[in-house]
Amino acid sequence: DKKQYKLGLLVDQTGFPIGHDVWSGNYAEIKTLIPALNSLKERFQLKQVAMVLDRGFYGDTYFKAIADAGFEYLCGVPLNRVSSLKQPLVEDKQPFKLVRTLEDGLWPNQLS
């Protein structure tokens, strides 16, 4: 019996809020995400947009829609949901890279 809303927040590199949008809670995120990002990209003349997604966005449909819209993404999912990655990660003897800031290499094109 309670109304649900979704809030999207755009922050700068320091975490300071510079834009937001609010949607009705009964829309699928993928139907609001791409138009909202396009609007923010145009409004703030952003050259690059990278999304950090949770496991709710895991799937080829989401990844294709995001990539087709020209955005980069990083999606965190439990390892057991991506069986094709599990064995290569177990066999990889390279140490993991600790990433704390964007300058340390958090952007998706720098993860390799």
PDB file of N, CA and C in Angstrom:
ATOM      1  N   ASP A   1       0.805  -1.195   0.000  1.00  0.00           N
ATOM      2  CA  ASP A   1       0.000   0.000   0.000  1.00  0.00           C
ATOM      3  C   ASP A   1       0.850   1.262   0.000  1.00  0.00           C
ATOM      4  N   LYS A   2       2.171   1.112  -0.056  1.00  0.00           N
ATOM      5  CA  LYS A   2       3.084   2.259  -0.075  1.00  0.00           C
ATOM      6  C   LYS A   2       3.577   2.475  -1.500  1.00  0.00           C
ATOM      7  N   LYS A   3       3.749   3.715  -1.889  1.00  0.00           N
ATOM      8  CA  LYS A   3       4.294   4.025  -3.205  1.00  0.00           C
ATOM      9  C   LYS A   3       5.810   3.844  -3.176  1.00  0.00           C
ATOM     10  N   GLN A   4       6.331   3.344  -4.273  1.00  0.00           N
ATOM     11  CA  GLN A   4       7.772   3.130  -4.377  1.00  0.00           C
ATOM     12  C   GLN A   4       8.321   4.022  -5.493  1.00  0.00           C
ATOM     13  N   TYR A   5       9.481   4.595  -5.238  1.00  0.00           N
ATOM     14  CA  TYR A   5      10.153   5.436  -6.219  1.00  0.00           C
ATOM     15  C   TYR A   5      11.596   4.997  -6.333  1.00  0.00           C
ATOM     16  N   LYS A   6      12.179   5.311  -7.484  1.00  0.00           N
ATOM     17  CA  LYS A   6      13.603   5.063  -7.682  1.00  0.00           C
ATOM     18  C   LYS A   6      14.288   6.402  -7.856  1.00  0.00           C
ATOM     19  N   LEU A   7      15.446   6.513  -7.250  1.00  0.00           N
ATOM     20  CA  LEU A   7      16.225   7.744  -7.313  1.00  0.00           C
ATOM     21  C   LEU A   7      17.564   7.444  -7.969  1.00  0.00           C
ATOM     22  N   GLY A   8      17.894   8.194  -8.998  1.00  0.00           N
ATOM     23  CA  GLY A   8      19.198   8.099  -9.640  1.00  0.00           C
ATOM     24  C   GLY A   8      20.008   9.327  -9.279  1.00  0.00           C
ATOM     25  N   LEU A   9      21.251   9.123  -8.904  1.00  0.00           N
ATOM     26  CA  LEU A   9      22.090  10.227  -8.452  1.00  0.00           C
ATOM     27  C   LEU A   9      23.384  10.248  -9.253  1.00  0.00           C
ATOM     28  N   LEU A  10      23.723  11.405  -9.786  1.00  0.00           N
ATOM     29  CA  LEU A  10      24.980  11.598 -10.504  1.00  0.00           C
ATOM     30  C   LEU A  10      25.910  12.392  -9.604  1.00  0.00           C
ATOM     31  N   VAL A  11      27.115  11.859  -9.390  1.00  0.00           N
ATOM     32  CA  VAL A  11      28.089  12.538  -8.541  1.00  0.00           C
ATOM     33  C   VAL A  11      29.357  12.794  -9.346  1.00  0.00           C
ATOM     34  N   ASP A  12      30.110  13.814  -8.922  1.00  0.00           N
ATOM     35  CA  ASP A  12      31.383  14.072  -9.587  1.00  0.00           C
ATOM     36  C   ASP A  12      32.455  13.166  -8.987  1.00  0.00           C
ATOM     37  N   GLN A  13      33.703  13.349  -9.401  1.00  0.00           N
ATOM     38  CA  GLN A  13      34.777  12.466  -8.949  1.00  0.00           C
ATOM     39  C   GLN A  13      35.032  12.538  -7.452  1.00  0.00           C
ATOM     40  N   THR A  14      34.574  13.598  -6.813  1.00  0.00           N
ATOM     41  CA  THR A  14      34.764  13.710  -5.366  1.00  0.00           C
ATOM     42  C   THR A  14      33.570  13.173  -4.589  1.00  0.00           C
ATOM     43  N   GLY A  15      32.520  12.761  -5.294  1.00  0.00           N
ATOM     44  CA  GLY A  15      31.324  12.262  -4.632  1.00  0.00           C
ATOM     45  C   GLY A  15      30.269  13.329  -4.403  1.00  0.00           C
ATOM     46  N   PHE A  16      30.502  14.544  -4.894  1.00  0.00           N
ATOM     47  CA  PHE A  16      29.547  15.633  -4.718  1.00  0.00           C
ATOM     48  C   PHE A  16      28.393  15.463  -5.707  1.00  0.00           C
ATOM     49  N   PRO A  17      27.147  15.472  -5.228  1.00  0.00           N
ATOM     50  CA  PRO A  17      25.997  15.299  -6.137  1.00  0.00           C
ATOM     51  C   PRO A  17      25.865  16.468  -7.111  1.00  0.00           C
ATOM     52  N   ILE A  18      25.716  16.154  -8.401  1.00  0.00           N
ATOM     53  CA  ILE A  18      25.548  17.206  -9.403  1.00  0.00           C
ATOM     54  C   ILE A  18      24.289  17.018 -10.241  1.00  0.00           C
ATOM     55  N   GLY A  19      23.593  15.934 -10.070  1.00  0.00           N
ATOM     56  CA  GLY A  19      22.358  15.711 -10.814  1.00  0.00           C
ATOM     57  C   GLY A  19      21.590  14.539 -10.246  1.00  0.00           C
ATOM     58  N   HIS A  20      20.276  14.542 -10.488  1.00  0.00           N
ATOM     59  CA  HIS A  20      19.459  13.432 -10.018  1.00  0.00           C
ATOM     60  C   HIS A  20      18.219  13.302 -10.893  1.00  0.00           C
ATOM     61  N   ASP A  21      17.551  12.178 -10.747  1.00  0.00           N
ATOM     62  CA  ASP A  21      16.280  11.943 -11.416  1.00  0.00           C
ATOM     63  C   ASP A  21      15.474  11.001 -10.535  1.00  0.00           C
ATOM     64  N   VAL A  22      14.164  11.062 -10.657  1.00  0.00           N
ATOM     65  CA  VAL A  22      13.268  10.224  -9.861  1.00  0.00           C
ATOM     66  C   VAL A  22      12.273   9.558 -10.803  1.00  0.00           C
ATOM     67  N   TRP A  23      12.038   8.261 -10.592  1.00  0.00           N
ATOM     68  CA  TRP A  23      11.102   7.504 -11.415  1.00  0.00           C
ATOM     69  C   TRP A  23      10.116   6.756 -10.531  1.00  0.00           C
ATOM     70  N   SER A  24       9.028   6.371 -11.127  1.00  0.00           N
ATOM     71  CA  SER A  24       8.069   5.497 -10.457  1.00  0.00           C
ATOM     72  C   SER A  24       8.747   4.156 -10.209  1.00  0.00           C
ATOM     73  N   GLY A  25       8.405   3.512  -9.130  1.00  0.00           N
ATOM     74  CA  GLY A  25       9.071   2.268  -8.755  1.00  0.00           C
ATOM     75  C   GLY A  25       8.668   1.052  -9.551  1.00  0.00           C
ATOM     76  N   ASN A  26       7.660   1.157 -10.423  1.00  0.00           N
ATOM     77  CA  ASN A  26       7.207  -0.032 -11.135  1.00  0.00           C
ATOM     78  C   ASN A  26       7.807  -0.188 -12.529  1.00  0.00           C
ATOM     79  N   TYR A  27       8.841   0.579 -12.856  1.00  0.00           N
ATOM     80  CA  TYR A  27       9.530   0.435 -14.135  1.00  0.00           C
ATOM     81  C   TYR A  27      10.798  -0.377 -13.955  1.00  0.00           C
ATOM     82  N   ALA A  28      11.085  -1.218 -14.947  1.00  0.00           N
ATOM     83  CA  ALA A  28      12.340  -1.975 -14.924  1.00  0.00           C
ATOM     84  C   ALA A  28      13.501  -1.001 -15.078  1.00  0.00           C
ATOM     85  N   GLU A  29      14.581  -1.236 -14.346  1.00  0.00           N
ATOM     86  CA  GLU A  29      15.717  -0.325 -14.360  1.00  0.00           C
ATOM     87  C   GLU A  29      16.276  -0.089 -15.756  1.00  0.00           C
ATOM     88  N   ILE A  30      16.338  -1.139 -16.559  1.00  0.00           N
ATOM     89  CA  ILE A  30      16.944  -0.997 -17.884  1.00  0.00           C
ATOM     90  C   ILE A  30      16.130  -0.037 -18.754  1.00  0.00           C
ATOM     91  N   LYS A  31      14.830   0.108 -18.480  1.00  0.00           N
ATOM     92  CA  LYS A  31      13.992   1.014 -19.271  1.00  0.00           C
ATOM     93  C   LYS A  31      14.178   2.466 -18.857  1.00  0.00           C
ATOM     94  N   THR A  32      14.700   2.700 -17.673  1.00  0.00           N
ATOM     95  CA  THR A  32      14.942   4.077 -17.231  1.00  0.00           C
ATOM     96  C   THR A  32      16.418   4.439 -17.272  1.00  0.00           C
ATOM     97  N   LEU A  33      17.280   3.451 -17.140  1.00  0.00           N
ATOM     98  CA  LEU A  33      18.716   3.707 -17.029  1.00  0.00           C
ATOM     99  C   LEU A  33      19.307   4.360 -18.276  1.00  0.00           C
ATOM    100  N   ILE A  34      19.100   3.776 -19.434  1.00  0.00           N
ATOM    101  CA  ILE A  34      19.704   4.284 -20.667  1.00  0.00           C
ATOM    102  C   ILE A  34      19.190   5.695 -20.998  1.00  0.00           C
ATOM    103  N   PRO A  35      17.868   5.928 -20.984  1.00  0.00           N
ATOM    104  CA  PRO A  35      17.408   7.304 -21.255  1.00  0.00           C
ATOM    105  C   PRO A  35      17.926   8.314 -20.229  1.00  0.00           C
ATOM    106  N   ALA A  36      17.998   7.919 -18.967  1.00  0.00           N
ATOM    107  CA  ALA A  36      18.490   8.830 -17.931  1.00  0.00           C
ATOM    108  C   ALA A  36      19.956   9.159 -18.157  1.00  0.00           C
ATOM    109  N   LEU A  37      20.757   8.162 -18.484  1.00  0.00           N
ATOM    110  CA  LEU A  37      22.174   8.407 -18.732  1.00  0.00           C
ATOM    111  C   LEU A  37      22.386   9.255 -19.977  1.00  0.00           C
ATOM    112  N   ASN A  38      21.601   9.006 -21.006  1.00  0.00           N
ATOM    113  CA  ASN A  38      21.700   9.841 -22.208  1.00  0.00           C
ATOM    114  C   ASN A  38      21.364  11.295 -21.886  1.00  0.00           C
ATOM    115  N   SER A  39      20.342  11.494 -21.079  1.00  0.00           N
ATOM    116  CA  SER A  39      19.943  12.845 -20.682  1.00  0.00           C
ATOM    117  C   SER A  39      21.048  13.532 -19.876  1.00  0.00           C
ATOM    118  N   LEU A  40      21.606  12.809 -18.908  1.00  0.00           N
ATOM    119  CA  LEU A  40      22.673  13.379 -18.085  1.00  0.00           C
ATOM    120  C   LEU A  40      23.939  13.631 -18.900  1.00  0.00           C
ATOM    121  N   LYS A  41      24.232  12.715 -19.818  1.00  0.00           N
ATOM    122  CA  LYS A  41      25.421  12.875 -20.657  1.00  0.00           C
ATOM    123  C   LYS A  41      25.302  14.147 -21.496  1.00  0.00           C
ATOM    124  N   GLU A  42      24.114  14.375 -22.048  1.00  0.00           N
ATOM    125  CA  GLU A  42      23.898  15.579 -22.848  1.00  0.00           C
ATOM    126  C   GLU A  42      23.870  16.826 -21.966  1.00  0.00           C
ATOM    127  N   ARG A  43      23.165  16.757 -20.854  1.00  0.00           N
ATOM    128  CA  ARG A  43      23.017  17.915 -19.967  1.00  0.00           C
ATOM    129  C   ARG A  43      24.356  18.412 -19.427  1.00  0.00           C
ATOM    130  N   PHE A  44      25.228  17.470 -19.042  1.00  0.00           N
ATOM    131  CA  PHE A  44      26.507  17.841 -18.452  1.00  0.00           C
ATOM    132  C   PHE A  44      27.671  17.708 -19.437  1.00  0.00           C
ATOM    133  N   GLN A  45      27.366  17.411 -20.704  1.00  0.00           N
ATOM    134  CA  GLN A  45      28.363  17.263 -21.759  1.00  0.00           C
ATOM    135  C   GLN A  45      29.481  16.308 -21.335  1.00  0.00           C
ATOM    136  N   LEU A  46      29.077  15.139 -20.856  1.00  0.00           N
ATOM    137  CA  LEU A  46      30.028  14.133 -20.409  1.00  0.00           C
ATOM    138  C   LEU A  46      30.623  13.410 -21.608  1.00  0.00           C
ATOM    139  N   LYS A  47      31.914  13.205 -21.582  1.00  0.00           N
ATOM    140  CA  LYS A  47      32.579  12.496 -22.673  1.00  0.00           C
ATOM    141  C   LYS A  47      32.562  10.993 -22.447  1.00  0.00           C
ATOM    142  N   GLN A  48      32.658  10.590 -21.202  1.00  0.00           N
ATOM    143  CA  GLN A  48      32.725   9.172 -20.882  1.00  0.00           C
ATOM    144  C   GLN A  48      31.810   8.879 -19.703  1.00  0.00           C
ATOM    145  N   VAL A  49      31.042   7.808 -19.834  1.00  0.00           N
ATOM    146  CA  VAL A  49      30.172   7.371 -18.743  1.00  0.00           C
ATOM    147  C   VAL A  49      30.451   5.897 -18.504  1.00  0.00           C
ATOM    148  N   ALA A  50      30.760   5.566 -17.274  1.00  0.00           N
ATOM    149  CA  ALA A  50      30.978   4.176 -16.895  1.00  0.00           C
ATOM    150  C   ALA A  50      30.049   3.859 -15.730  1.00  0.00           C
ATOM    151  N   MET A  51      29.342   2.772 -15.831  1.00  0.00           N
ATOM    152  CA  MET A  51      28.392   2.377 -14.796  1.00  0.00           C
ATOM    153  C   MET A  51      28.971   1.259 -13.952  1.00  0.00           C
ATOM    154  N   VAL A  52      28.683   1.298 -12.684  1.00  0.00           N
ATOM    155  CA  VAL A  52      29.007   0.198 -11.785  1.00  0.00           C
ATOM    156  C   VAL A  52      27.675  -0.431 -11.415  1.00  0.00           C
ATOM    157  N   LEU A  53      27.485  -1.671 -11.845  1.00  0.00           N
ATOM    158  CA  LEU A  53      26.204  -2.354 -11.709  1.00  0.00           C
ATOM    159  C   LEU A  53      26.280  -3.457 -10.664  1.00  0.00           C
ATOM    160  N   ASP A  54      25.166  -3.727 -10.026  1.00  0.00           N
ATOM    161  CA  ASP A  54      25.124  -4.867  -9.120  1.00  0.00           C
ATOM    162  C   ASP A  54      24.601  -6.085  -9.879  1.00  0.00           C
ATOM    163  N   ARG A  55      24.503  -7.208  -9.194  1.00  0.00           N
ATOM    164  CA  ARG A  55      24.134  -8.456  -9.866  1.00  0.00           C
ATOM    165  C   ARG A  55      22.723  -8.445 -10.435  1.00  0.00           C
ATOM    166  N   GLY A  56      21.909  -7.473 -10.053  1.00  0.00           N
ATOM    167  CA  GLY A  56      20.577  -7.363 -10.629  1.00  0.00           C
ATOM    168  C   GLY A  56      20.610  -7.022 -12.113  1.00  0.00           C
ATOM    169  N   PHE A  57      21.726  -6.494 -12.575  1.00  0.00           N
ATOM    170  CA  PHE A  57      21.886  -6.144 -13.990  1.00  0.00           C
ATOM    171  C   PHE A  57      22.681  -7.188 -14.754  1.00  0.00           C
ATOM    172  N   TYR A  58      23.008  -8.294 -14.122  1.00  0.00           N
ATOM    173  CA  TYR A  58      23.815  -9.304 -14.799  1.00  0.00           C
ATOM    174  C   TYR A  58      22.979 -10.004 -15.860  1.00  0.00           C
ATOM    175  N   GLY A  59      23.473 -10.018 -17.076  1.00  0.00           N
ATOM    176  CA  GLY A  59      22.811 -10.742 -18.162  1.00  0.00           C
ATOM    177  C   GLY A  59      23.105 -10.102 -19.500  1.00  0.00           C
ATOM    178  N   ASP A  60      23.093 -10.927 -20.527  1.00  0.00           N
ATOM    179  CA  ASP A  60      23.425 -10.459 -21.872  1.00  0.00           C
ATOM    180  C   ASP A  60      22.483  -9.364 -22.361  1.00  0.00           C
ATOM    181  N   THR A  61      21.208  -9.427 -21.984  1.00  0.00           N
ATOM    182  CA  THR A  61      20.255  -8.406 -22.418  1.00  0.00           C
ATOM    183  C   THR A  61      20.672  -7.037 -21.901  1.00  0.00           C
ATOM    184  N   TYR A  62      21.022  -6.970 -20.619  1.00  0.00           N
ATOM    185  CA  TYR A  62      21.463  -5.713 -20.025  1.00  0.00           C
ATOM    186  C   TYR A  62      22.780  -5.253 -20.646  1.00  0.00           C
ATOM    187  N   PHE A  63      23.736  -6.159 -20.731  1.00  0.00           N
ATOM    188  CA  PHE A  63      25.055  -5.795 -21.248  1.00  0.00           C
ATOM    189  C   PHE A  63      24.962  -5.277 -22.685  1.00  0.00           C
ATOM    190  N   LYS A  64      24.144  -5.923 -23.499  1.00  0.00           N
ATOM    191  CA  LYS A  64      23.986  -5.500 -24.890  1.00  0.00           C
ATOM    192  C   LYS A  64      23.343  -4.118 -24.961  1.00  0.00           C
ATOM    193  N   ALA A  65      22.291  -3.892 -24.196  1.00  0.00           N
ATOM    194  CA  ALA A  65      21.614  -2.587 -24.209  1.00  0.00           C
ATOM    195  C   ALA A  65      22.561  -1.478 -23.774  1.00  0.00           C
ATOM    196  N   ILE A  66      23.353  -1.732 -22.758  1.00  0.00           N
ATOM    197  CA  ILE A  66      24.291  -0.738 -22.241  1.00  0.00           C
ATOM    198  C   ILE A  66      25.398  -0.468 -23.263  1.00  0.00           C
ATOM    199  N   ALA A  67      25.964  -1.531 -23.824  1.00  0.00           N
ATOM    200  CA  ALA A  67      27.031  -1.375 -24.817  1.00  0.00           C
ATOM    201  C   ALA A  67      26.502  -0.711 -26.088  1.00  0.00           C
ATOM    202  N   ASP A  68      25.298  -1.095 -26.524  1.00  0.00           N
ATOM    203  CA  ASP A  68      24.711  -0.489 -27.723  1.00  0.00           C
ATOM    204  C   ASP A  68      24.480   1.008 -27.540  1.00  0.00           C
ATOM    205  N   ALA A  69      24.234   1.421 -26.304  1.00  0.00           N
ATOM    206  CA  ALA A  69      24.027   2.838 -26.015  1.00  0.00           C
ATOM    207  C   ALA A  69      25.353   3.597 -25.903  1.00  0.00           C
ATOM    208  N   GLY A  70      26.474   2.871 -25.972  1.00  0.00           N
ATOM    209  CA  GLY A  70      27.786   3.516 -25.961  1.00  0.00           C
ATOM    210  C   GLY A  70      28.371   3.753 -24.585  1.00  0.00           C
ATOM    211  N   PHE A  71      27.878   3.038 -23.572  1.00  0.00           N
ATOM    212  CA  PHE A  71      28.386   3.208 -22.219  1.00  0.00           C
ATOM    213  C   PHE A  71      29.269   2.031 -21.828  1.00  0.00           C
ATOM    214  N   GLU A  72      30.217   2.292 -20.949  1.00  0.00           N
ATOM    215  CA  GLU A  72      31.043   1.230 -20.387  1.00  0.00           C
ATOM    216  C   GLU A  72      30.423   0.795 -19.075  1.00  0.00           C
ATOM    217  N   TYR A  73      30.760  -0.419 -18.633  1.00  0.00           N
ATOM    218  CA  TYR A  73      30.182  -0.893 -17.387  1.00  0.00           C
ATOM    219  C   TYR A  73      31.112  -1.866 -16.686  1.00  0.00           C
ATOM    220  N   LEU A  74      30.891  -1.953 -15.410  1.00  0.00           N
ATOM    221  CA  LEU A  74      31.565  -2.914 -14.548  1.00  0.00           C
ATOM    222  C   LEU A  74      30.457  -3.531 -13.718  1.00  0.00           C
ATOM    223  N   CYS A  75      30.345  -4.853 -13.769  1.00  0.00           N
ATOM    224  CA  CYS A  75      29.242  -5.521 -13.077  1.00  0.00           C
ATOM    225  C   CYS A  75      29.788  -6.512 -12.060  1.00  0.00           C
ATOM    226  N   GLY A  76      29.382  -6.343 -10.813  1.00  0.00           N
ATOM    227  CA  GLY A  76      29.791  -7.256  -9.765  1.00  0.00           C
ATOM    228  C   GLY A  76      28.768  -8.363  -9.589  1.00  0.00           C
ATOM    229  N   VAL A  77      29.230  -9.602  -9.686  1.00  0.00           N
ATOM    230  CA  VAL A  77      28.339 -10.750  -9.508  1.00  0.00           C
ATOM    231  C   VAL A  77      29.069 -11.817  -8.694  1.00  0.00           C
ATOM    232  N   PRO A  78      28.315 -12.666  -7.998  1.00  0.00           N
ATOM    233  CA  PRO A  78      28.962 -13.774  -7.304  1.00  0.00           C
ATOM    234  C   PRO A  78      29.669 -14.679  -8.316  1.00  0.00           C
ATOM    235  N   LEU A  79      30.839 -15.146  -7.961  1.00  0.00           N
ATOM    236  CA  LEU A  79      31.645 -15.969  -8.867  1.00  0.00           C
ATOM    237  C   LEU A  79      30.893 -17.206  -9.354  1.00  0.00           C
ATOM    238  N   ASN A  80      30.045 -17.805  -8.512  1.00  0.00           N
ATOM    239  CA  ASN A  80      29.351 -19.032  -8.920  1.00  0.00           C
ATOM    240  C   ASN A  80      28.293 -18.780  -9.999  1.00  0.00           C
ATOM    241  N   ARG A  81      27.948 -17.507 -10.301  1.00  0.00           N
ATOM    242  CA  ARG A  81      27.003 -17.210 -11.382  1.00  0.00           C
ATOM    243  C   ARG A  81      27.697 -17.110 -12.731  1.00  0.00           C
ATOM    244  N   VAL A  82      29.020 -17.065 -12.730  1.00  0.00           N
ATOM    245  CA  VAL A  82      29.773 -16.932 -13.975  1.00  0.00           C
ATOM    246  C   VAL A  82      30.765 -18.087 -14.048  1.00  0.00           C
ATOM    247  N   SER A  83      30.242 -19.258 -14.329  1.00  0.00           N
ATOM    248  CA  SER A  83      31.080 -20.459 -14.296  1.00  0.00           C
ATOM    249  C   SER A  83      32.221 -20.400 -15.302  1.00  0.00           C
ATOM    250  N   SER A  84      32.056 -19.679 -16.410  1.00  0.00           N
ATOM    251  CA  SER A  84      33.122 -19.604 -17.411  1.00  0.00           C
ATOM    252  C   SER A  84      34.343 -18.847 -16.888  1.00  0.00           C
ATOM    253  N   LEU A  85      34.180 -18.031 -15.845  1.00  0.00           N
ATOM    254  CA  LEU A  85      35.307 -17.291 -15.282  1.00  0.00           C
ATOM    255  C   LEU A  85      35.953 -17.994 -14.093  1.00  0.00           C
ATOM    256  N   LYS A  86      35.230 -18.908 -13.484  1.00  0.00           N
ATOM    257  CA  LYS A  86      35.699 -19.495 -12.237  1.00  0.00           C
ATOM    258  C   LYS A  86      37.040 -20.219 -12.405  1.00  0.00           C
ATOM    259  N   GLN A  87      37.154 -21.119 -13.355  1.00  0.00           N
ATOM    260  CA  GLN A  87      38.380 -21.897 -13.515  1.00  0.00           C
ATOM    261  C   GLN A  87      39.567 -21.021 -13.905  1.00  0.00           C
ATOM    262  N   PRO A  88      39.433 -20.091 -14.881  1.00  0.00           N
ATOM    263  CA  PRO A  88      40.593 -19.230 -15.184  1.00  0.00           C
ATOM    264  C   PRO A  88      41.055 -18.414 -13.981  1.00  0.00           C
ATOM    265  N   LEU A  89      40.138 -17.966 -13.136  1.00  0.00           N
ATOM    266  CA  LEU A  89      40.533 -17.210 -11.957  1.00  0.00           C
ATOM    267  C   LEU A  89      41.255 -18.077 -10.940  1.00  0.00           C
ATOM    268  N   VAL A  90      40.802 -19.309 -10.784  1.00  0.00           N
ATOM    269  CA  VAL A  90      41.450 -20.231  -9.844  1.00  0.00           C
ATOM    270  C   VAL A  90      42.863 -20.550 -10.308  1.00  0.00           C
ATOM    271  N   GLU A  91      43.038 -20.715 -11.619  1.00  0.00           N
ATOM    272  CA  GLU A  91      44.352 -21.058 -12.176  1.00  0.00           C
ATOM    273  C   GLU A  91      45.290 -19.862 -12.280  1.00  0.00           C
ATOM    274  N   ASP A  92      44.757 -18.649 -12.243  1.00  0.00           N
ATOM    275  CA  ASP A  92      45.567 -17.443 -12.385  1.00  0.00           C
ATOM    276  C   ASP A  92      46.457 -17.264 -11.158  1.00  0.00           C
ATOM    277  N   LYS A  93      47.744 -17.234 -11.367  1.00  0.00           N
ATOM    278  CA  LYS A  93      48.701 -17.097 -10.260  1.00  0.00           C
ATOM    279  C   LYS A  93      49.087 -15.641  -9.992  1.00  0.00           C
ATOM    280  N   GLN A  94      48.597 -14.716 -10.838  1.00  0.00           N
ATOM    281  CA  GLN A  94      48.895 -13.304 -10.646  1.00  0.00           C
ATOM    282  C   GLN A  94      48.155 -12.788  -9.413  1.00  0.00           C
ATOM    283  N   PRO A  95      48.799 -11.924  -8.640  1.00  0.00           N
ATOM    284  CA  PRO A  95      48.099 -11.365  -7.478  1.00  0.00           C
ATOM    285  C   PRO A  95      46.991 -10.416  -7.926  1.00  0.00           C
ATOM    286  N   PHE A  96      45.941 -10.351  -7.122  1.00  0.00           N
ATOM    287  CA  PHE A  96      44.857  -9.423  -7.421  1.00  0.00           C
ATOM    288  C   PHE A  96      45.335  -8.003  -7.198  1.00  0.00           C
ATOM    289  N   LYS A  97      44.787  -7.082  -7.948  1.00  0.00           N
ATOM    290  CA  LYS A  97      45.143  -5.671  -7.827  1.00  0.00           C
ATOM    291  C   LYS A  97      44.122  -4.989  -6.919  1.00  0.00           C
ATOM    292  N   LEU A  98      44.590  -4.385  -5.847  1.00  0.00           N
ATOM    293  CA  LEU A  98      43.728  -3.634  -4.941  1.00  0.00           C
ATOM    294  C   LEU A  98      43.446  -2.273  -5.553  1.00  0.00           C
ATOM    295  N   VAL A  99      42.168  -1.950  -5.733  1.00  0.00           N
ATOM    296  CA  VAL A  99      41.767  -0.697  -6.345  1.00  0.00           C
ATOM    297  C   VAL A  99      40.965   0.091  -5.329  1.00  0.00           C
ATOM    298  N   ARG A 100      41.456   1.281  -4.995  1.00  0.00           N
ATOM    299  CA  ARG A 100      40.770   2.110  -4.009  1.00  0.00           C
ATOM    300  C   ARG A 100      40.209   3.396  -4.595  1.00  0.00           C
ATOM    301  N   THR A 101      40.794   3.880  -5.680  1.00  0.00           N
ATOM    302  CA  THR A 101      40.347   5.137  -6.276  1.00  0.00           C
ATOM    303  C   THR A 101      40.312   5.004  -7.783  1.00  0.00           C
ATOM    304  N   LEU A 102      39.657   5.948  -8.436  1.00  0.00           N
ATOM    305  CA  LEU A 102      39.635   5.960  -9.895  1.00  0.00           C
ATOM    306  C   LEU A 102      41.040   6.061 -10.461  1.00  0.00           C
ATOM    307  N   GLU A 103      41.884   6.825  -9.793  1.00  0.00           N
ATOM    308  CA  GLU A 103      43.256   6.988 -10.272  1.00  0.00           C
ATOM    309  C   GLU A 103      44.050   5.682 -10.200  1.00  0.00           C
ATOM    310  N   ASP A 104      43.637   4.766  -9.316  1.00  0.00           N
ATOM    311  CA  ASP A 104      44.304   3.469  -9.204  1.00  0.00           C
ATOM    312  C   ASP A 104      43.943   2.523 -10.344  1.00  0.00           C
ATOM    313  N   GLY A 105      42.961   2.906 -11.159  1.00  0.00           N
ATOM    314  CA  GLY A 105      42.631   2.066 -12.303  1.00  0.00           C
ATOM    315  C   GLY A 105      41.287   1.402 -12.219  1.00  0.00           C
ATOM    316  N   LEU A 106      40.275   2.095 -11.759  1.00  0.00           N
ATOM    317  CA  LEU A 106      38.956   1.498 -11.630  1.00  0.00           C
ATOM    318  C   LEU A 106      38.188   1.491 -12.938  1.00  0.00           C
ATOM    319  N   TRP A 107      38.575   2.339 -13.894  1.00  0.00           N
ATOM    320  CA  TRP A 107      37.808   2.391 -15.143  1.00  0.00           C
ATOM    321  C   TRP A 107      37.874   1.057 -15.853  1.00  0.00           C
ATOM    322  N   PRO A 108      36.749   0.598 -16.449  1.00  0.00           N
ATOM    323  CA  PRO A 108      36.673  -0.730 -17.063  1.00  0.00           C
ATOM    324  C   PRO A 108      37.752  -1.014 -18.096  1.00  0.00           C
ATOM    325  N   ASN A 109      38.126  -0.023 -18.898  1.00  0.00           N
ATOM    326  CA  ASN A 109      39.132  -0.275 -19.933  1.00  0.00           C
ATOM    327  C   ASN A 109      40.537  -0.408 -19.359  1.00  0.00           C
ATOM    328  N   GLN A 110      40.697  -0.241 -18.062  1.00  0.00           N
ATOM    329  CA  GLN A 110      42.011  -0.369 -17.434  1.00  0.00           C
ATOM    330  C   GLN A 110      42.097  -1.576 -16.514  1.00  0.00           C
ATOM    331  N   LEU A 111      41.067  -2.407 -16.490  1.00  0.00           N
ATOM    332  CA  LEU A 111      41.059  -3.534 -15.558  1.00  0.00           C
ATOM    333  C   LEU A 111      41.930  -4.694 -16.016  1.00  0.00           C
ATOM    334  N   SER A 112      42.254  -4.760 -17.278  1.00  0.00           N
ATOM    335  CA  SER A 112      43.019  -5.907 -17.745  1.00  0.00           C
ATOM    336  C   SER A 112      44.485  -5.785 -17.423  1.00  0.00           C
TER     337      SER A 112
END
